N, C-alpha and C. Protein backbone atom coordinates (compact mmCIF):
# COMPACT_ATOMS: atom_id res chain seq x y z
N UNK A 1 -54.95 69.04 -8.41
CA UNK A 1 -53.43 69.27 -8.97
C UNK A 1 -53.56 68.81 -10.58
N UNK A 2 -53.05 69.69 -11.38
CA UNK A 2 -52.97 69.37 -12.72
C UNK A 2 -51.95 68.31 -12.94
N UNK A 3 -52.04 67.81 -14.10
CA UNK A 3 -51.15 66.68 -14.72
C UNK A 3 -49.74 67.09 -14.68
N UNK A 4 -49.36 68.63 -15.08
CA UNK A 4 -48.06 69.03 -15.20
C UNK A 4 -47.63 69.17 -13.88
N UNK A 5 -48.29 69.59 -12.68
CA UNK A 5 -47.90 69.55 -11.38
C UNK A 5 -47.75 68.32 -10.88
N UNK A 6 -48.41 67.16 -11.37
CA UNK A 6 -48.31 65.79 -11.02
C UNK A 6 -46.89 65.26 -11.40
N UNK A 7 -46.53 65.78 -12.53
CA UNK A 7 -45.41 65.24 -13.15
C UNK A 7 -44.00 66.26 -12.63
N UNK A 8 -44.35 67.26 -12.17
CA UNK A 8 -43.27 67.98 -11.53
C UNK A 8 -42.88 67.41 -10.18
N UNK A 9 -43.85 66.78 -9.37
CA UNK A 9 -43.68 66.21 -8.00
C UNK A 9 -42.47 65.09 -7.99
N UNK A 10 -42.55 64.20 -8.90
CA UNK A 10 -41.39 63.33 -8.68
C UNK A 10 -40.04 63.85 -9.09
N UNK A 11 -39.95 65.10 -9.80
CA UNK A 11 -38.76 65.76 -9.97
C UNK A 11 -38.38 66.45 -8.86
N UNK A 12 -39.25 66.96 -8.02
CA UNK A 12 -38.83 67.64 -6.80
C UNK A 12 -38.14 66.65 -5.79
N UNK A 13 -38.77 65.53 -5.72
CA UNK A 13 -38.40 64.44 -4.79
C UNK A 13 -37.11 63.92 -5.35
N UNK A 14 -36.83 63.82 -6.60
CA UNK A 14 -35.62 63.20 -7.03
C UNK A 14 -34.58 64.30 -6.98
N UNK A 15 -34.82 65.54 -7.08
CA UNK A 15 -33.84 66.55 -6.90
C UNK A 15 -33.45 66.70 -5.52
N UNK A 16 -34.28 66.62 -4.36
CA UNK A 16 -34.05 66.49 -3.15
C UNK A 16 -33.12 65.32 -2.93
N UNK A 17 -33.65 64.26 -3.23
CA UNK A 17 -32.66 62.87 -2.96
C UNK A 17 -31.34 63.06 -3.64
N UNK A 18 -31.22 63.74 -4.82
CA UNK A 18 -29.99 63.80 -5.54
C UNK A 18 -28.99 64.56 -4.58
N UNK A 19 -29.52 65.60 -4.00
CA UNK A 19 -28.68 66.35 -3.35
C UNK A 19 -27.90 65.63 -2.02
N UNK A 20 -28.96 64.96 -1.23
CA UNK A 20 -28.35 64.09 -0.30
C UNK A 20 -27.43 63.01 -0.65
N UNK A 21 -27.73 62.34 -1.56
CA UNK A 21 -26.88 61.12 -2.35
C UNK A 21 -25.60 61.70 -2.59
N UNK A 22 -25.57 62.83 -3.43
CA UNK A 22 -24.47 63.41 -3.94
C UNK A 22 -23.47 63.77 -2.78
N UNK A 23 -23.84 64.56 -1.90
CA UNK A 23 -22.98 65.10 -0.92
C UNK A 23 -22.66 64.26 0.32
N UNK A 24 -23.45 63.28 0.40
CA UNK A 24 -23.20 62.22 1.69
C UNK A 24 -22.37 61.12 1.15
N UNK A 25 -22.93 60.46 -0.02
CA UNK A 25 -22.39 59.10 -0.31
C UNK A 25 -21.40 59.15 -1.51
N UNK A 26 -21.81 59.85 -2.62
CA UNK A 26 -20.92 59.85 -3.79
C UNK A 26 -19.78 60.69 -3.80
N UNK A 27 -19.74 61.96 -3.35
CA UNK A 27 -18.72 62.84 -3.40
C UNK A 27 -18.75 63.72 -2.01
N UNK A 28 -18.44 62.91 -1.01
CA UNK A 28 -18.45 63.90 0.19
C UNK A 28 -17.09 64.60 0.40
N UNK A 29 -17.39 65.60 1.08
CA UNK A 29 -16.21 66.60 1.29
C UNK A 29 -15.24 66.14 2.37
N UNK A 30 -16.03 65.58 3.39
CA UNK A 30 -15.20 65.05 4.61
C UNK A 30 -15.98 64.33 5.33
N UNK A 31 -15.68 63.51 6.26
CA UNK A 31 -16.49 62.56 7.05
C UNK A 31 -17.52 63.44 8.00
N UNK A 32 -17.25 64.38 8.58
CA UNK A 32 -18.05 65.03 9.46
C UNK A 32 -18.97 66.12 8.91
N UNK A 33 -18.39 66.63 7.72
CA UNK A 33 -19.29 67.71 7.06
C UNK A 33 -20.04 67.30 6.01
N UNK A 34 -20.20 65.95 5.63
CA UNK A 34 -20.99 65.57 4.61
C UNK A 34 -22.34 65.82 4.88
N UNK A 35 -22.93 65.43 5.89
CA UNK A 35 -24.38 65.74 6.32
C UNK A 35 -24.69 67.33 6.36
N UNK A 36 -23.85 68.05 6.88
CA UNK A 36 -24.04 69.47 6.93
C UNK A 36 -24.05 70.10 5.47
N UNK A 37 -23.07 69.60 4.74
CA UNK A 37 -23.20 70.20 3.31
C UNK A 37 -24.27 69.71 2.60
N UNK A 38 -24.76 68.52 2.62
CA UNK A 38 -25.89 68.01 2.08
C UNK A 38 -27.14 68.78 2.53
N UNK A 39 -27.23 68.92 3.55
CA UNK A 39 -28.35 69.69 4.40
C UNK A 39 -28.48 71.07 3.81
N UNK A 40 -27.28 71.72 3.59
CA UNK A 40 -27.12 73.08 3.04
C UNK A 40 -27.62 72.99 1.57
N UNK A 41 -27.22 72.16 0.73
CA UNK A 41 -27.38 71.92 -0.58
C UNK A 41 -28.93 71.56 -0.95
N UNK A 42 -29.34 70.91 0.13
CA UNK A 42 -30.97 70.53 -0.07
C UNK A 42 -31.88 71.47 0.43
N UNK A 43 -31.39 72.62 1.18
CA UNK A 43 -32.08 73.57 1.69
C UNK A 43 -33.19 74.37 0.76
N UNK A 44 -32.47 74.77 -0.62
CA UNK A 44 -33.56 75.41 -1.44
C UNK A 44 -34.71 74.75 -1.75
N UNK A 45 -34.69 73.39 -1.94
CA UNK A 45 -35.78 72.72 -2.56
C UNK A 45 -36.49 72.08 -1.27
N UNK A 46 -36.13 72.30 -0.20
CA UNK A 46 -36.90 71.79 0.90
C UNK A 46 -38.33 72.41 1.24
N UNK A 47 -38.62 73.56 0.98
CA UNK A 47 -39.94 74.18 1.04
C UNK A 47 -40.78 73.78 0.06
N UNK A 48 -40.24 73.39 -1.15
CA UNK A 48 -41.33 72.76 -2.26
C UNK A 48 -41.59 71.43 -1.78
N UNK A 49 -40.72 70.54 -1.19
CA UNK A 49 -40.99 69.20 -0.65
C UNK A 49 -41.82 69.23 0.43
N UNK A 50 -41.63 70.17 1.24
CA UNK A 50 -42.66 70.22 2.45
C UNK A 50 -44.12 70.62 1.92
N UNK A 51 -44.16 71.64 0.95
CA UNK A 51 -45.38 71.86 0.39
C UNK A 51 -46.05 70.80 -0.47
N UNK A 52 -45.31 69.93 -0.97
CA UNK A 52 -45.56 68.75 -1.73
C UNK A 52 -46.37 67.61 -0.91
N UNK A 53 -45.51 67.50 0.31
CA UNK A 53 -46.11 66.63 1.36
C UNK A 53 -47.59 67.07 1.84
N UNK A 54 -47.57 68.22 2.04
CA UNK A 54 -48.82 68.94 2.49
C UNK A 54 -49.84 69.01 1.35
N UNK A 55 -49.65 68.68 0.16
CA UNK A 55 -50.46 68.82 -1.11
C UNK A 55 -50.93 70.24 -1.32
N UNK A 56 -50.12 70.95 -0.93
CA UNK A 56 -50.38 72.60 -1.33
C UNK A 56 -50.21 72.80 -2.87
N UNK A 57 -51.02 73.74 -3.38
CA UNK A 57 -51.05 74.06 -4.82
C UNK A 57 -49.84 74.77 -5.38
N UNK A 58 -48.91 75.39 -4.57
CA UNK A 58 -47.96 76.10 -4.85
C UNK A 58 -46.51 75.19 -4.77
N UNK A 59 -46.62 74.14 -4.55
CA UNK A 59 -45.35 73.20 -4.24
C UNK A 59 -44.66 73.19 -5.83
N UNK A 60 -45.46 72.82 -6.73
CA UNK A 60 -44.42 72.96 -8.03
C UNK A 60 -44.02 74.30 -8.48
N UNK A 61 -44.65 75.38 -8.02
CA UNK A 61 -44.09 76.57 -8.32
C UNK A 61 -42.65 77.01 -7.51
N UNK A 62 -42.92 76.55 -6.34
CA UNK A 62 -41.46 76.81 -5.29
C UNK A 62 -40.38 75.82 -5.92
N UNK A 63 -40.95 74.58 -6.43
CA UNK A 63 -39.96 73.73 -6.85
C UNK A 63 -39.15 74.09 -8.16
N UNK A 64 -40.06 74.90 -8.82
CA UNK A 64 -39.33 75.43 -10.23
C UNK A 64 -38.39 76.50 -9.94
N UNK A 65 -38.89 77.28 -8.96
CA UNK A 65 -38.17 78.48 -8.44
C UNK A 65 -36.62 78.02 -8.02
N UNK A 66 -36.76 76.92 -7.12
CA UNK A 66 -35.53 76.38 -6.42
C UNK A 66 -34.79 75.85 -7.62
N UNK A 67 -35.47 74.95 -8.53
CA UNK A 67 -34.89 74.31 -9.67
C UNK A 67 -33.84 75.20 -10.56
N UNK A 68 -34.29 76.66 -10.70
CA UNK A 68 -33.32 77.64 -11.24
C UNK A 68 -32.01 77.60 -10.73
N UNK A 69 -32.07 77.53 -9.26
CA UNK A 69 -30.66 77.56 -8.59
C UNK A 69 -29.93 76.28 -8.98
N UNK A 70 -30.57 75.23 -8.79
CA UNK A 70 -29.91 73.91 -9.00
C UNK A 70 -29.44 73.85 -10.48
N UNK A 71 -30.20 74.31 -11.38
CA UNK A 71 -29.73 74.48 -12.94
C UNK A 71 -28.43 75.15 -12.88
N UNK A 72 -28.25 76.45 -12.44
CA UNK A 72 -27.15 77.14 -12.57
C UNK A 72 -25.82 76.19 -11.75
N UNK A 73 -26.26 75.77 -10.68
CA UNK A 73 -25.23 74.85 -9.97
C UNK A 73 -24.96 73.70 -10.86
N UNK A 74 -25.68 73.15 -11.53
CA UNK A 74 -25.35 71.90 -12.24
C UNK A 74 -24.49 72.25 -13.47
N UNK A 75 -24.77 73.36 -14.07
CA UNK A 75 -24.13 73.71 -15.43
C UNK A 75 -22.73 74.33 -14.88
N UNK A 76 -22.62 74.68 -13.60
CA UNK A 76 -21.30 75.36 -13.04
C UNK A 76 -20.52 74.02 -12.89
N UNK A 77 -20.90 73.09 -12.07
CA UNK A 77 -20.24 71.97 -11.88
C UNK A 77 -19.82 71.19 -13.04
N UNK A 78 -20.75 71.00 -14.06
CA UNK A 78 -20.42 70.21 -15.26
C UNK A 78 -18.98 70.78 -15.93
N UNK A 79 -19.17 71.98 -15.84
CA UNK A 79 -17.86 72.63 -16.49
C UNK A 79 -16.63 72.75 -15.65
N UNK A 80 -16.97 72.85 -14.19
CA UNK A 80 -15.81 73.06 -13.42
C UNK A 80 -15.02 71.78 -12.84
N UNK A 81 -15.90 70.77 -12.65
CA UNK A 81 -15.46 69.59 -11.90
C UNK A 81 -15.72 68.23 -12.71
N UNK A 82 -14.68 67.86 -13.51
CA UNK A 82 -14.92 66.68 -14.27
C UNK A 82 -15.33 65.50 -13.44
N UNK A 83 -14.80 65.20 -12.23
CA UNK A 83 -15.31 64.09 -11.33
C UNK A 83 -16.85 64.08 -10.98
N UNK A 84 -17.46 65.19 -10.87
CA UNK A 84 -18.72 65.39 -10.65
C UNK A 84 -19.64 65.59 -11.86
N UNK A 85 -19.21 65.43 -12.89
CA UNK A 85 -19.85 65.81 -14.20
C UNK A 85 -21.14 65.00 -14.45
N UNK A 86 -21.05 63.70 -14.18
CA UNK A 86 -22.30 62.89 -14.46
C UNK A 86 -23.47 63.19 -13.44
N UNK A 87 -23.00 63.54 -12.21
CA UNK A 87 -24.12 63.98 -11.18
C UNK A 87 -24.57 65.31 -11.55
N UNK A 88 -23.77 66.24 -11.94
CA UNK A 88 -24.04 67.54 -12.25
C UNK A 88 -25.06 67.54 -13.39
N UNK A 89 -24.79 66.76 -14.36
CA UNK A 89 -25.66 66.55 -15.68
C UNK A 89 -27.03 66.09 -15.11
N UNK A 90 -27.22 65.10 -14.11
CA UNK A 90 -28.36 64.57 -13.65
C UNK A 90 -29.16 65.88 -12.89
N UNK A 91 -28.31 66.43 -12.12
CA UNK A 91 -28.90 67.85 -11.55
C UNK A 91 -29.63 68.64 -12.50
N UNK A 92 -28.83 68.81 -13.47
CA UNK A 92 -29.47 69.85 -14.67
C UNK A 92 -30.51 69.31 -15.18
N UNK A 93 -30.42 68.10 -15.66
CA UNK A 93 -31.61 67.40 -16.22
C UNK A 93 -32.82 67.52 -15.33
N UNK A 94 -32.85 67.21 -14.05
CA UNK A 94 -33.96 67.18 -13.20
C UNK A 94 -34.41 68.48 -12.94
N UNK A 95 -33.40 69.62 -12.91
CA UNK A 95 -34.01 70.99 -13.02
C UNK A 95 -34.83 71.45 -14.19
N UNK A 96 -34.27 70.95 -15.30
CA UNK A 96 -35.07 71.36 -16.58
C UNK A 96 -36.46 70.67 -16.58
N UNK A 97 -36.38 69.35 -16.15
CA UNK A 97 -37.74 68.65 -15.90
C UNK A 97 -38.82 69.35 -15.10
N UNK A 98 -38.35 69.74 -14.04
CA UNK A 98 -39.30 70.47 -13.00
C UNK A 98 -39.67 71.73 -13.71
N UNK A 99 -38.93 72.53 -14.22
CA UNK A 99 -39.26 73.90 -14.80
C UNK A 99 -40.22 73.70 -15.93
N UNK A 100 -39.90 72.77 -16.86
CA UNK A 100 -40.78 72.45 -18.03
C UNK A 100 -42.07 71.84 -17.58
N UNK A 101 -42.17 71.02 -16.56
CA UNK A 101 -43.27 70.42 -16.08
C UNK A 101 -44.34 71.33 -15.56
N UNK A 102 -43.69 72.24 -14.83
CA UNK A 102 -44.42 73.28 -13.95
C UNK A 102 -45.07 74.23 -15.17
N UNK A 103 -44.32 74.82 -16.06
CA UNK A 103 -44.88 75.54 -17.08
C UNK A 103 -45.55 74.97 -18.21
N UNK A 104 -45.80 73.69 -18.16
CA UNK A 104 -46.41 72.79 -19.35
C UNK A 104 -47.92 73.33 -19.50
N UNK A 105 -48.66 73.55 -18.54
CA UNK A 105 -50.08 73.93 -18.77
C UNK A 105 -50.14 75.26 -19.35
N UNK A 106 -49.27 76.23 -19.01
CA UNK A 106 -49.31 77.69 -19.52
C UNK A 106 -48.89 77.57 -21.01
N UNK A 107 -47.89 76.79 -21.33
CA UNK A 107 -47.57 76.67 -22.68
C UNK A 107 -48.56 75.93 -23.54
N UNK A 108 -49.14 74.94 -23.17
CA UNK A 108 -50.32 74.29 -23.97
C UNK A 108 -51.43 75.06 -24.04
N UNK A 109 -51.85 75.80 -23.09
CA UNK A 109 -52.82 76.77 -23.28
C UNK A 109 -52.75 77.84 -24.40
N UNK A 110 -51.36 78.37 -24.20
CA UNK A 110 -50.92 79.42 -25.17
C UNK A 110 -51.00 78.85 -26.51
N UNK A 111 -50.39 77.75 -26.77
CA UNK A 111 -50.40 77.06 -28.22
C UNK A 111 -51.85 76.77 -28.54
N UNK A 112 -52.64 76.36 -27.81
CA UNK A 112 -54.01 76.29 -28.18
C UNK A 112 -54.74 77.48 -28.58
N UNK A 113 -54.52 78.49 -27.87
CA UNK A 113 -55.22 79.80 -28.25
C UNK A 113 -54.39 80.42 -29.50
N UNK A 114 -53.32 80.08 -29.84
CA UNK A 114 -52.72 80.38 -31.16
C UNK A 114 -53.53 79.80 -32.45
N UNK A 115 -53.73 78.29 -32.08
CA UNK A 115 -54.55 77.62 -33.06
C UNK A 115 -55.94 78.09 -33.25
N UNK A 116 -56.37 78.46 -32.27
CA UNK A 116 -58.00 79.11 -32.56
C UNK A 116 -57.94 80.55 -32.84
N UNK A 117 -56.70 81.19 -33.08
CA UNK A 117 -56.86 82.66 -33.46
C UNK A 117 -57.16 83.34 -32.24
N UNK A 118 -56.74 83.16 -31.13
CA UNK A 118 -56.93 84.06 -29.83
C UNK A 118 -58.19 83.84 -29.18
N UNK A 119 -59.02 82.99 -29.67
CA UNK A 119 -60.24 82.75 -28.78
C UNK A 119 -59.99 81.84 -27.79
N UNK A 120 -60.75 81.81 -26.61
CA UNK A 120 -60.56 80.89 -25.45
C UNK A 120 -61.07 79.59 -25.92
N UNK A 121 -60.30 78.68 -25.50
CA UNK A 121 -60.50 77.10 -25.85
C UNK A 121 -61.51 76.62 -24.80
């Protein structure tokens, strides 16, 4: 596992945990529906978390794909719900963290090729 994928792993776990904490403890919709809603909101990142626990090489990829959904949700909640704004900003920041961490290897390789004039490093 590359360093960038190792850096994405804590972001995946944090984003999954944030969904559970947000919808069960911080801003629950109702007493009975809290766990159901938390489960539904945690569902997109769950495959990445399972792959991460299995140490599969595509865990960071699927985490980054799910993070795009959470980024959109975080931006929407930031604008629409002032009460949830700090939590939504945390969700947005974690999403950016995961996407940038996953793409870091490709970006650094691309920049290294530019420095060497297109030759392989």
